[in-house]
C-alpha atoms as a PDB file:
ATOM      1  CA  LEU A   1      27.426  50.948 -24.009  1.00  0.00           C
ATOM      2  CA  ALA A   2      29.366  49.929 -27.098  1.00  0.00           C
ATOM      3  CA  THR A   3      32.467  49.370 -24.967  1.00  0.00           C
ATOM      4  CA  LEU A   4      30.543  47.178 -22.545  1.00  0.00           C
ATOM      5  CA  ALA A   5      28.988  45.230 -25.438  1.00  0.00           C
ATOM      6  CA  ARG A   6      32.477  44.638 -26.899  1.00  0.00           C
ATOM      7  CA  LEU A   7      33.461  43.245 -23.514  1.00  0.00           C
ATOM      8  CA  GLY A   8      30.627  40.723 -23.719  1.00  0.00           C
ATOM      9  CA  ALA A   9      27.768  42.471 -21.939  1.00  0.00           C
ATOM     10  CA  THR A  10      24.263  41.871 -23.215  1.00  0.00           C
ATOM     11  CA  ILE A  11      22.579  45.249 -23.613  1.00  0.00           C
ATOM     12  CA  GLN A  12      18.834  45.514 -23.126  1.00  0.00           C
ATOM     13  CA  GLU A  13      16.537  48.428 -22.442  1.00  0.00           C
ATOM     14  CA  VAL A  14      14.506  48.369 -19.265  1.00  0.00           C
ATOM     15  CA  GLU A  15      11.430  50.525 -18.813  1.00  0.00           C
ATOM     16  CA  VAL A  16      10.923  52.075 -15.395  1.00  0.00           C
ATOM     17  CA  ALA A  17       8.940  55.010 -14.016  1.00  0.00           C
ATOM     18  CA  PRO A  18       9.892  58.477 -15.285  1.00  0.00           C
ATOM     19  CA  LEU A  19      12.870  60.201 -13.673  1.00  0.00           C
ATOM     20  CA  SER A  20      10.527  62.980 -12.532  1.00  0.00           C
ATOM     21  CA  ASP A  21       8.625  60.519 -10.281  1.00  0.00           C
ATOM     22  CA  TYR A  22      11.823  59.504  -8.501  1.00  0.00           C
ATOM     23  CA  ALA A  23      13.094  63.087  -8.308  1.00  0.00           C
ATOM     24  CA  ALA A  24       9.836  64.363  -6.802  1.00  0.00           C
ATOM     25  CA  ALA A  25       9.715  61.687  -4.102  1.00  0.00           C
ATOM     26  CA  ASN A  26      13.433  62.063  -3.435  1.00  0.00           C
ATOM     27  CA  ARG A  27      13.159  65.812  -2.903  1.00  0.00           C
ATOM     28  CA  VAL A  28      10.152  65.543  -0.569  1.00  0.00           C
ATOM     29  CA  ILE A  29      12.024  62.991   1.563  1.00  0.00           C
ATOM     30  CA  LEU A  30      15.512  64.470   1.316  1.00  0.00           C
ATOM     31  CA  LEU A  31      14.721  68.077   2.217  1.00  0.00           C
ATOM     32  CA  PRO A  32      13.049  67.550   5.623  1.00  0.00           C
ATOM     33  CA  GLU A  33      15.607  64.887   6.519  1.00  0.00           C
ATOM     34  CA  ALA A  34      18.418  67.311   5.660  1.00  0.00           C
ATOM     35  CA  TYR A  35      16.735  70.017   7.720  1.00  0.00           C
ATOM     36  CA  ALA A  36      16.353  67.645  10.689  1.00  0.00           C
ATOM     37  CA  ILE A  37      20.032  66.670  10.503  1.00  0.00           C
ATOM     38  CA  HIS A  38      21.317  70.227  10.084  1.00  0.00           C
ATOM     39  CA  GLU A  39      18.716  72.122  12.135  1.00  0.00           C
ATOM     40  CA  LYS A  40      20.905  72.912  15.163  1.00  0.00           C
ATOM     41  CA  TRP A  41      23.936  74.011  13.109  1.00  0.00           C
ATOM     42  CA  PHE A  42      21.724  75.753  10.585  1.00  0.00           C
ATOM     43  CA  GLN A  43      20.153  77.879  13.317  1.00  0.00           C
ATOM     44  CA  GLU A  44      23.418  78.553  15.161  1.00  0.00           C
ATOM     45  CA  ARG A  45      25.784  79.041  12.205  1.00  0.00           C
ATOM     46  CA  PRO A  46      23.843  79.684   8.979  1.00  0.00           C
ATOM     47  CA  GLU A  47      26.856  81.522   7.524  1.00  0.00           C
ATOM     48  CA  ASP A  48      28.708  78.185   7.391  1.00  0.00           C
ATOM     49  CA  TYR A  49      26.336  77.126   4.597  1.00  0.00           C
ATOM     50  CA  GLY A  50      26.432  78.387   1.037  1.00  0.00           C
ATOM     51  CA  GLU A  51      23.437  80.241  -0.345  1.00  0.00           C
ATOM     52  CA  LEU A  52      22.189  77.296  -2.402  1.00  0.00           C
ATOM     53  CA  ALA A  53      22.561  74.847   0.502  1.00  0.00           C
ATOM     54  CA  ARG A  54      20.773  77.264   2.844  1.00  0.00           C
ATOM     55  CA  SER A  55      17.819  77.660   0.494  1.00  0.00           C
ATOM     56  CA  ARG A  56      17.478  73.908  -0.034  1.00  0.00           C
ATOM     57  CA  ILE A  57      17.831  73.017   3.640  1.00  0.00           C
ATOM     58  CA  MET A  58      15.404  75.736   4.712  1.00  0.00           C
ATOM     59  CA  GLY A  59      12.811  74.350   2.307  1.00  0.00           C
ATOM     60  CA  GLY A  60      12.830  71.146   4.322  1.00  0.00           C
ATOM     61  CA  ALA A  61      11.414  72.955   7.345  1.00  0.00           C
ATOM     62  CA  PHE A  62       8.154  73.519   5.464  1.00  0.00           C
ATOM     63  CA  VAL A  63       7.401  70.067   4.037  1.00  0.00           C
ATOM     64  CA  ARG A  64       4.050  68.826   5.323  1.00  0.00           C
ATOM     65  CA  ALA A  65       4.015  65.507   7.182  1.00  0.00           C
ATOM     66  CA  ALA A  66       1.329  64.177   4.813  1.00  0.00           C
ATOM     67  CA  ASP A  67       3.537  64.967   1.812  1.00  0.00           C
ATOM     68  CA  TYR A  68       6.488  63.237   3.478  1.00  0.00           C
ATOM     69  CA  VAL A  69       4.463  60.099   4.262  1.00  0.00           C
ATOM     70  CA  ASN A  70       3.081  59.989   0.712  1.00  0.00           C
ATOM     71  CA  ALA A  71       6.610  60.313  -0.686  1.00  0.00           C
ATOM     72  CA  VAL A  72       7.777  57.421   1.519  1.00  0.00           C
ATOM     73  CA  ARG A  73       4.897  55.334   0.149  1.00  0.00           C
ATOM     74  CA  MET A  74       5.845  56.342  -3.389  1.00  0.00           C
ATOM     75  CA  ARG A  75       9.451  55.339  -2.667  1.00  0.00           C
ATOM     76  CA  ALA A  76       8.298  51.838  -1.667  1.00  0.00           C
ATOM     77  CA  LYS A  77       6.234  51.513  -4.861  1.00  0.00           C
ATOM     78  CA  LEU A  78       8.999  52.821  -7.132  1.00  0.00           C
ATOM     79  CA  THR A  79      11.578  50.571  -5.460  1.00  0.00           C
ATOM     80  CA  ARG A  80       9.440  47.456  -5.840  1.00  0.00           C
ATOM     81  CA  GLU A  81       8.687  48.236  -9.506  1.00  0.00           C
ATOM     82  CA  PHE A  82      12.329  49.028 -10.293  1.00  0.00           C
ATOM     83  CA  TYR A  83      13.722  45.802  -8.878  1.00  0.00           C
ATOM     84  CA  GLU A  84      11.010  43.799 -10.648  1.00  0.00           C
ATOM     85  CA  ALA A  85      11.973  45.491 -13.956  1.00  0.00           C
ATOM     86  CA  ILE A  86      15.684  44.697 -13.559  1.00  0.00           C
ATOM     87  CA  SER A  87      15.318  41.196 -12.133  1.00  0.00           C
ATOM     88  CA  ASP A  88      17.088  39.689 -15.176  1.00  0.00           C
ATOM     89  CA  CYS A  89      19.917  42.265 -15.194  1.00  0.00           C
ATOM     90  CA  ASP A  90      23.253  42.170 -13.406  1.00  0.00           C
ATOM     91  CA  VAL A  91      23.626  45.963 -13.490  1.00  0.00           C
ATOM     92  CA  VAL A  92      21.887  48.992 -14.943  1.00  0.00           C
ATOM     93  CA  ILE A  93      23.827  51.634 -16.855  1.00  0.00           C
ATOM     94  CA  THR A  94      22.495  55.189 -16.965  1.00  0.00           C
ATOM     95  CA  ALA A  95      23.830  58.655 -17.450  1.00  0.00           C
ATOM     96  CA  SER A  96      24.692  60.311 -14.132  1.00  0.00           C
ATOM     97  CA  SER A  97      22.723  63.368 -15.196  1.00  0.00           C
ATOM     98  CA  MET A  98      20.433  64.172 -18.074  1.00  0.00           C
ATOM     99  CA  GLU A  99      22.457  67.369 -18.585  1.00  0.00           C
ATOM    100  CA  PRO A 100      26.182  68.064 -18.789  1.00  0.00           C
ATOM    101  CA  ALA A 101      27.797  69.415 -15.644  1.00  0.00           C
ATOM    102  CA  CYS A 102      27.271  73.105 -15.015  1.00  0.00           C
ATOM    103  CA  GLU A 103      29.336  75.763 -13.321  1.00  0.00           C
ATOM    104  CA  ILE A 104      28.822  75.488  -9.563  1.00  0.00           C
ATOM    105  CA  GLU A 105      28.279  79.247  -9.273  1.00  0.00           C
ATOM    106  CA  ASP A 106      25.435  79.213 -11.841  1.00  0.00           C
ATOM    107  CA  ARG A 107      22.435  79.002  -9.529  1.00  0.00           C
ATOM    108  CA  ASP A 108      19.843  78.847 -12.319  1.00  0.00           C
ATOM    109  CA  ALA A 109      21.665  76.005 -14.068  1.00  0.00           C
ATOM    110  CA  ASN A 110      22.062  74.159 -10.762  1.00  0.00           C
ATOM    111  CA  GLU A 111      18.344  74.460 -10.022  1.00  0.00           C
ATOM    112  CA  TYR A 112      17.465  73.300 -13.543  1.00  0.00           C
ATOM    113  CA  THR A 113      19.728  70.262 -13.427  1.00  0.00           C
ATOM    114  CA  TYR A 114      18.861  69.341  -9.814  1.00  0.00           C
ATOM    115  CA  GLY A 115      15.681  67.507 -10.804  1.00  0.00           C
ATOM    116  CA  ARG A 116      17.309  66.003 -13.890  1.00  0.00           C
ATOM    117  CA  GLN A 117      20.070  64.160 -12.087  1.00  0.00           C
ATOM    118  CA  ALA A 118      19.788  60.502 -12.936  1.00  0.00           C
ATOM    119  CA  ARG A 119      21.230  59.711  -9.509  1.00  0.00           C
ATOM    120  CA  ALA A 120      17.947  60.612  -7.769  1.00  0.00           C
ATOM    121  CA  PRO A 121      16.269  57.213  -8.273  1.00  0.00           C
ATOM    122  CA  PHE A 122      19.161  55.338  -6.737  1.00  0.00           C
ATOM    123  CA  ASN A 123      19.608  57.785  -3.870  1.00  0.00           C
ATOM    124  CA  LEU A 124      15.891  57.431  -3.187  1.00  0.00           C
ATOM    125  CA  MET A 125      15.981  53.626  -3.213  1.00  0.00           C
ATOM    126  CA  GLY A 126      19.347  53.236  -1.499  1.00  0.00           C
ATOM    127  CA  SER A 127      20.679  51.309  -4.483  1.00  0.00           C
ATOM    128  CA  PRO A 128      24.414  50.776  -4.758  1.00  0.00           C
ATOM    129  CA  ALA A 129      25.770  52.865  -7.626  1.00  0.00           C
ATOM    130  CA  LEU A 130      29.078  54.122  -8.955  1.00  0.00           C
ATOM    131  CA  ALA A 131      29.587  57.081 -11.312  1.00  0.00           C
ATOM    132  CA  MET A 132      32.583  57.196 -13.610  1.00  0.00           C
ATOM    133  CA  PRO A 133      33.811  59.478 -16.401  1.00  0.00           C
ATOM    134  CA  THR A 134      32.860  58.781 -19.996  1.00  0.00           C
ATOM    135  CA  GLY A 135      33.895  61.960 -21.782  1.00  0.00           C
ATOM    136  CA  PHE A 136      33.418  65.684 -22.058  1.00  0.00           C
ATOM    137  CA  ALA A 137      30.622  67.898 -23.325  1.00  0.00           C
ATOM    138  CA  GLN A 138      31.416  70.481 -26.005  1.00  0.00           C
ATOM    139  CA  SER A 139      31.814  72.968 -23.147  1.00  0.00           C
ATOM    140  CA  GLY A 140      34.716  70.888 -21.821  1.00  0.00           C
ATOM    141  CA  LEU A 141      32.793  69.904 -18.684  1.00  0.00           C
ATOM    142  CA  PRO A 142      32.724  66.202 -17.767  1.00  0.00           C
ATOM    143  CA  LEU A 143      30.103  63.625 -18.681  1.00  0.00           C
ATOM    144  CA  SER A 144      29.681  60.395 -16.775  1.00  0.00           C
ATOM    145  CA  MET A 145      27.703  57.198 -16.538  1.00  0.00           C
ATOM    146  CA  GLN A 146      26.598  55.387 -13.457  1.00  0.00           C
ATOM    147  CA  ILE A 147      26.584  51.688 -12.888  1.00  0.00           C
ATOM    148  CA  VAL A 148      23.752  50.613 -10.604  1.00  0.00           C
ATOM    149  CA  GLY A 149      23.382  47.256  -8.935  1.00  0.00           C
ATOM    150  CA  LYS A 150      20.974  45.343  -6.806  1.00  0.00           C
ATOM    151  CA  PRO A 151      21.189  45.561  -3.013  1.00  0.00           C
ATOM    152  CA  PHE A 152      24.405  44.017  -1.673  1.00  0.00           C
ATOM    153  CA  GLU A 153      25.774  43.501  -5.197  1.00  0.00           C
ATOM    154  CA  GLU A 154      28.540  46.099  -5.000  1.00  0.00           C
ATOM    155  CA  ALA A 155      31.144  43.588  -6.171  1.00  0.00           C
ATOM    156  CA  MET A 156      29.377  43.277  -9.538  1.00  0.00           C
ATOM    157  CA  ILE A 157      29.367  47.066  -9.924  1.00  0.00           C
ATOM    158  CA  TYR A 158      33.095  47.209  -9.220  1.00  0.00           C
ATOM    159  CA  ARG A 159      33.813  44.434 -11.731  1.00  0.00           C
ATOM    160  CA  VAL A 160      31.875  46.223 -14.484  1.00  0.00           C
ATOM    161  CA  ALA A 161      33.512  49.562 -13.649  1.00  0.00           C
ATOM    162  CA  HIS A 162      36.970  48.017 -13.649  1.00  0.00           C
ATOM    163  CA  ALA A 163      36.384  46.303 -16.990  1.00  0.00           C
ATOM    164  CA  PHE A 164      35.124  49.556 -18.535  1.00  0.00           C
ATOM    165  CA  GLU A 165      38.035  51.505 -17.099  1.00  0.00           C
ATOM    166  CA  GLN A 166      40.567  49.022 -18.488  1.00  0.00           C
ATOM    167  CA  ALA A 167      38.924  49.032 -21.931  1.00  0.00           C
ATOM    168  CA  SER A 168      38.613  52.804 -22.298  1.00  0.00           C
ATOM    169  CA  GLU A 169      40.842  55.834 -21.922  1.00  0.00           C
ATOM    170  CA  TRP A 170      38.352  58.136 -20.203  1.00  0.00           C
ATOM    171  CA  THR A 171      39.931  57.936 -16.786  1.00  0.00           C
ATOM    172  CA  THR A 172      43.252  59.223 -18.130  1.00  0.00           C
ATOM    173  CA  ARG A 173      41.869  62.105 -20.196  1.00  0.00           C
ATOM    174  CA  ARG A 174      41.717  65.607 -18.792  1.00  0.00           C
ATOM    175  CA  PRO A 175      39.699  68.540 -20.081  1.00  0.00           C
ATOM    176  CA  PRO A 176      41.646  71.487 -21.453  1.00  0.00           C
ATOM    177  CA  LEU A 177      42.264  73.955 -18.656  1.00  0.00           C
ATOM    178  CA  PRO A 178      41.903  77.648 -19.404  1.00  0.00           C
ATOM    179  CA  ALA A 179      45.123  79.625 -19.446  1.00  0.00           C
ATOM    180  CA  THR A 180      45.636  81.752 -16.362  1.00  0.00           C
ATOM    181  CA  SER A 181      47.744  84.820 -16.003  1.00  0.00           C
ATOM    182  CA  SER A 182      50.341  84.848 -13.282  1.00  0.00           C
END
């Protein structure tokens, strides 16, 4: 945020519904939609899916219609409230996740961070967003921010991202890679 402020951005906090509200509605909508899209392949070639993908997709087969409809209603409410809250903003800057990246093979860490991804609100609402690197956690894994805009305002997102990229060195930095034996 300091970099964006140096570039002339006015920084203000905006209060919106808790991330958990967006994540809950997103999951209830996403899972049955994913199951509906993948159902034929999932039944014919389940081995083509990784274990984590299989377990998530399969969960979508068991979402009740009433829960789905209520989540769609919640999405409409959250979307309306969000765009009212940011009406005076050009873009919104958030972390991409509330946790640093985790190892893809670490199922427990993936499950923990799944509901804490700050991308869920914008996936749920269909908001244009762009994630870009901002640094590294102590573990060496990447950290990132996302720049979120209003519907059909992608050009503003790209302008902000470009300005940040030009003013910082994060896009040229690489984490230290572990030594490998040959």
